[in-house]
Amino acid sequence: MRSIPELCGLVRETAYAIHVYHGQGHMEKVYENALAHRLRKLGLEVKQQHAVQVRDEDETVLGDFYADLVVENLLVVELKSVKALAEEHVAQLLGYLKSTGLEHGLLITFGSYKFQIKKYIKNGNSNANLADLLPIVFLHFFVIFAFFRGQIV
């Protein structure tokens, strides 16, 4: 099984190659098919238009959405054919991550002359409290204190 950084790297490199070859101006579906095709040629499991149910807290199904690509059941890839990524695109991807239970997603647009890709990670640890963060806070405090005392160069 490949790691998330390795999967993200493969998707990024493959998407960039598609952007270079096909350029901008095609419908989103063309880029989706191209990316799915090339990732499968690399031996990756890719689901296109993967149906995911959105559920309420009592598990009532509220509706469905379709993720453009789900790679290796670990990574949601949302594709756009727009000039610039917008906040609603980010919100859409984060909603997909929450509904799938997956933590990692990529947002890619092919609609601009400039290739754009962003990675998002959903932090599922909503139960973190101050006690969990204290070791990190003290470590940062110590490093800053030592730096200003001249003990860290």
Protein backbone atom coordinates (compact mmCIF):
# COMPACT_ATOMS: atom_id res chain seq x y z
CA MET A 1 0.00 0.00 0.00
CA ARG A 2 1.30 3.44 -0.89
CA SER A 3 1.58 6.25 1.61
CA ILE A 4 -0.50 9.42 1.41
CA PRO A 5 2.51 11.59 0.44
CA GLU A 6 3.40 9.11 -2.31
CA LEU A 7 -0.20 9.03 -3.60
CA CYS A 8 -0.42 12.82 -3.54
CA GLY A 9 2.85 13.04 -5.44
CA LEU A 10 1.67 10.60 -8.11
CA VAL A 11 -1.64 12.42 -8.54
CA ARG A 12 0.12 15.80 -8.68
CA GLU A 13 2.68 14.67 -11.28
CA THR A 14 0.04 12.93 -13.38
CA ALA A 15 -2.37 15.87 -13.25
CA TYR A 16 0.42 18.26 -14.22
CA ALA A 17 1.34 16.06 -17.20
CA ILE A 18 -2.32 16.11 -18.28
CA HIS A 19 -2.38 19.90 -17.90
CA VAL A 20 0.72 20.24 -20.07
CA TYR A 21 -0.57 17.83 -22.73
CA HIS A 22 -4.24 18.90 -22.94
CA GLY A 23 -3.96 22.52 -21.81
CA GLN A 24 -6.96 24.44 -20.58
CA GLY A 25 -10.43 24.75 -22.06
CA HIS A 26 -11.90 21.26 -21.81
CA MET A 27 -14.87 20.27 -19.71
CA GLU A 28 -14.13 18.89 -16.25
CA LYS A 29 -15.18 15.37 -17.31
CA VAL A 30 -12.35 15.22 -19.88
CA TYR A 31 -9.74 15.91 -17.18
CA GLU A 32 -11.43 13.47 -14.81
CA ASN A 33 -11.34 10.69 -17.41
CA ALA A 34 -7.73 11.48 -18.31
CA LEU A 35 -6.56 11.49 -14.69
CA ALA A 36 -8.44 8.29 -13.84
CA HIS A 37 -7.07 6.57 -16.96
CA ARG A 38 -3.45 7.53 -16.30
CA LEU A 39 -3.61 6.67 -12.58
CA ARG A 40 -5.04 3.25 -13.41
CA LYS A 41 -2.18 2.74 -15.87
CA LEU A 42 0.13 3.31 -12.88
CA GLY A 43 -1.63 0.46 -11.09
CA LEU A 44 -3.73 2.55 -8.70
CA GLU A 45 -7.31 1.78 -7.73
CA VAL A 46 -9.42 4.74 -8.86
CA LYS A 47 -13.16 5.17 -8.38
CA GLN A 48 -14.85 7.77 -10.57
CA GLN A 49 -18.00 9.60 -9.50
CA HIS A 50 -17.94 7.58 -6.30
CA ALA A 51 -21.31 7.86 -4.53
CA VAL A 52 -21.15 8.83 -0.88
CA GLN A 53 -24.15 9.24 1.39
CA VAL A 54 -24.39 12.25 3.65
CA ARG A 55 -25.90 11.25 6.98
CA ASP A 56 -27.29 13.13 9.94
CA GLU A 57 -26.19 12.45 13.51
CA ASP A 58 -28.86 9.73 13.87
CA GLU A 59 -27.62 8.10 10.62
CA THR A 60 -30.60 9.31 8.57
CA VAL A 61 -29.54 9.62 4.93
CA LEU A 62 -29.83 13.27 3.92
CA GLY A 63 -28.58 12.93 0.37
CA ASP A 64 -25.79 11.76 -1.87
CA PHE A 65 -22.80 13.38 -3.48
CA TYR A 66 -20.37 12.08 -6.03
CA ALA A 67 -16.66 12.51 -5.47
CA ASP A 68 -14.85 13.02 -8.77
CA LEU A 69 -12.13 10.52 -7.85
CA VAL A 70 -11.28 8.38 -4.84
CA VAL A 71 -7.76 6.98 -5.13
CA GLU A 72 -6.81 3.79 -3.27
CA ASN A 73 -9.73 4.39 -0.87
CA LEU A 74 -7.49 6.94 0.87
CA LEU A 75 -7.56 10.16 -1.13
CA VAL A 76 -10.47 12.25 -2.43
CA VAL A 77 -9.60 14.20 -5.58
CA GLU A 78 -11.96 17.01 -6.60
CA LEU A 79 -11.40 18.45 -10.05
CA LYS A 80 -12.45 21.82 -11.41
CA SER A 81 -12.20 23.48 -14.79
CA VAL A 82 -12.24 27.07 -13.56
CA LYS A 83 -9.72 29.92 -13.75
CA ALA A 84 -9.24 30.10 -9.98
CA LEU A 85 -10.19 27.96 -7.01
CA ALA A 86 -12.76 29.57 -4.72
CA GLU A 87 -13.77 29.09 -1.10
CA GLU A 88 -16.87 27.15 -2.13
CA HIS A 89 -14.62 24.60 -3.87
CA VAL A 90 -12.66 24.17 -0.65
CA ALA A 91 -15.88 23.85 1.35
CA GLN A 92 -17.12 21.20 -1.08
CA LEU A 93 -13.94 19.12 -0.70
CA LEU A 94 -13.96 19.44 3.10
CA GLY A 95 -17.60 18.31 3.13
CA TYR A 96 -16.64 15.28 1.04
CA LEU A 97 -13.85 14.43 3.47
CA LYS A 98 -16.22 14.64 6.42
CA SER A 99 -18.85 12.46 4.74
CA THR A 100 -16.39 9.81 3.54
CA GLY A 101 -14.45 9.67 6.79
CA LEU A 102 -11.26 10.12 4.78
CA GLU A 103 -8.68 12.62 5.97
CA HIS A 104 -6.85 13.65 2.81
CA GLY A 105 -8.04 15.45 -0.30
CA LEU A 106 -6.68 17.24 -3.32
CA LEU A 107 -8.36 20.11 -5.12
CA ILE A 108 -7.14 20.62 -8.69
CA THR A 109 -8.15 23.07 -11.40
CA PHE A 110 -7.32 22.67 -15.06
CA GLY A 111 -9.13 25.84 -16.18
CA SER A 112 -6.21 28.24 -15.95
CA TYR A 113 -3.00 28.49 -17.93
CA LYS A 114 -1.30 28.02 -14.54
CA PHE A 115 -1.62 24.56 -12.97
CA GLN A 116 -3.21 24.78 -9.51
CA ILE A 117 -3.41 22.05 -6.89
CA LYS A 118 -4.06 22.27 -3.15
CA LYS A 119 -3.95 19.57 -0.51
CA TYR A 120 -6.32 19.52 2.45
CA ILE A 121 -6.27 17.41 5.58
CA LYS A 122 -9.33 16.99 7.78
CA ASN A 123 -8.39 16.79 11.43
CA GLY A 124 -10.77 14.24 12.84
CA ASN A 125 -9.59 14.75 16.41
CA SER A 126 -12.34 17.07 17.60
CA ASN A 127 -11.90 15.82 21.18
CA ALA A 128 -8.49 17.45 21.62
CA ASN A 129 -8.29 19.46 24.80
CA LEU A 130 -5.72 21.67 26.51
CA ALA A 131 -4.12 18.73 28.32
CA ASP A 132 -3.32 17.13 24.95
CA LEU A 133 -1.75 20.36 23.70
CA LEU A 134 0.35 21.24 26.77
CA PRO A 135 3.46 19.23 25.78
CA ILE A 136 3.49 20.98 22.39
CA VAL A 137 2.96 24.41 23.97
CA PHE A 138 5.79 23.86 26.46
CA LEU A 139 8.13 22.61 23.72
CA HIS A 140 7.48 25.73 21.63
CA PHE A 141 7.91 27.96 24.67
CA PHE A 142 11.24 26.29 25.49
CA VAL A 143 12.54 26.65 21.94
CA ILE A 144 11.57 30.34 21.76
CA PHE A 145 13.06 31.01 25.21
CA ALA A 146 16.32 29.26 24.30
CA PHE A 147 16.50 31.12 21.00
CA PHE A 148 16.23 34.52 22.66
CA ARG A 149 18.80 33.53 25.26
CA GLY A 150 21.19 32.79 22.40
CA GLN A 151 21.41 29.06 23.04
CA ILE A 152 19.97 28.08 19.66
CA VAL A 153 21.59 29.40 16.53
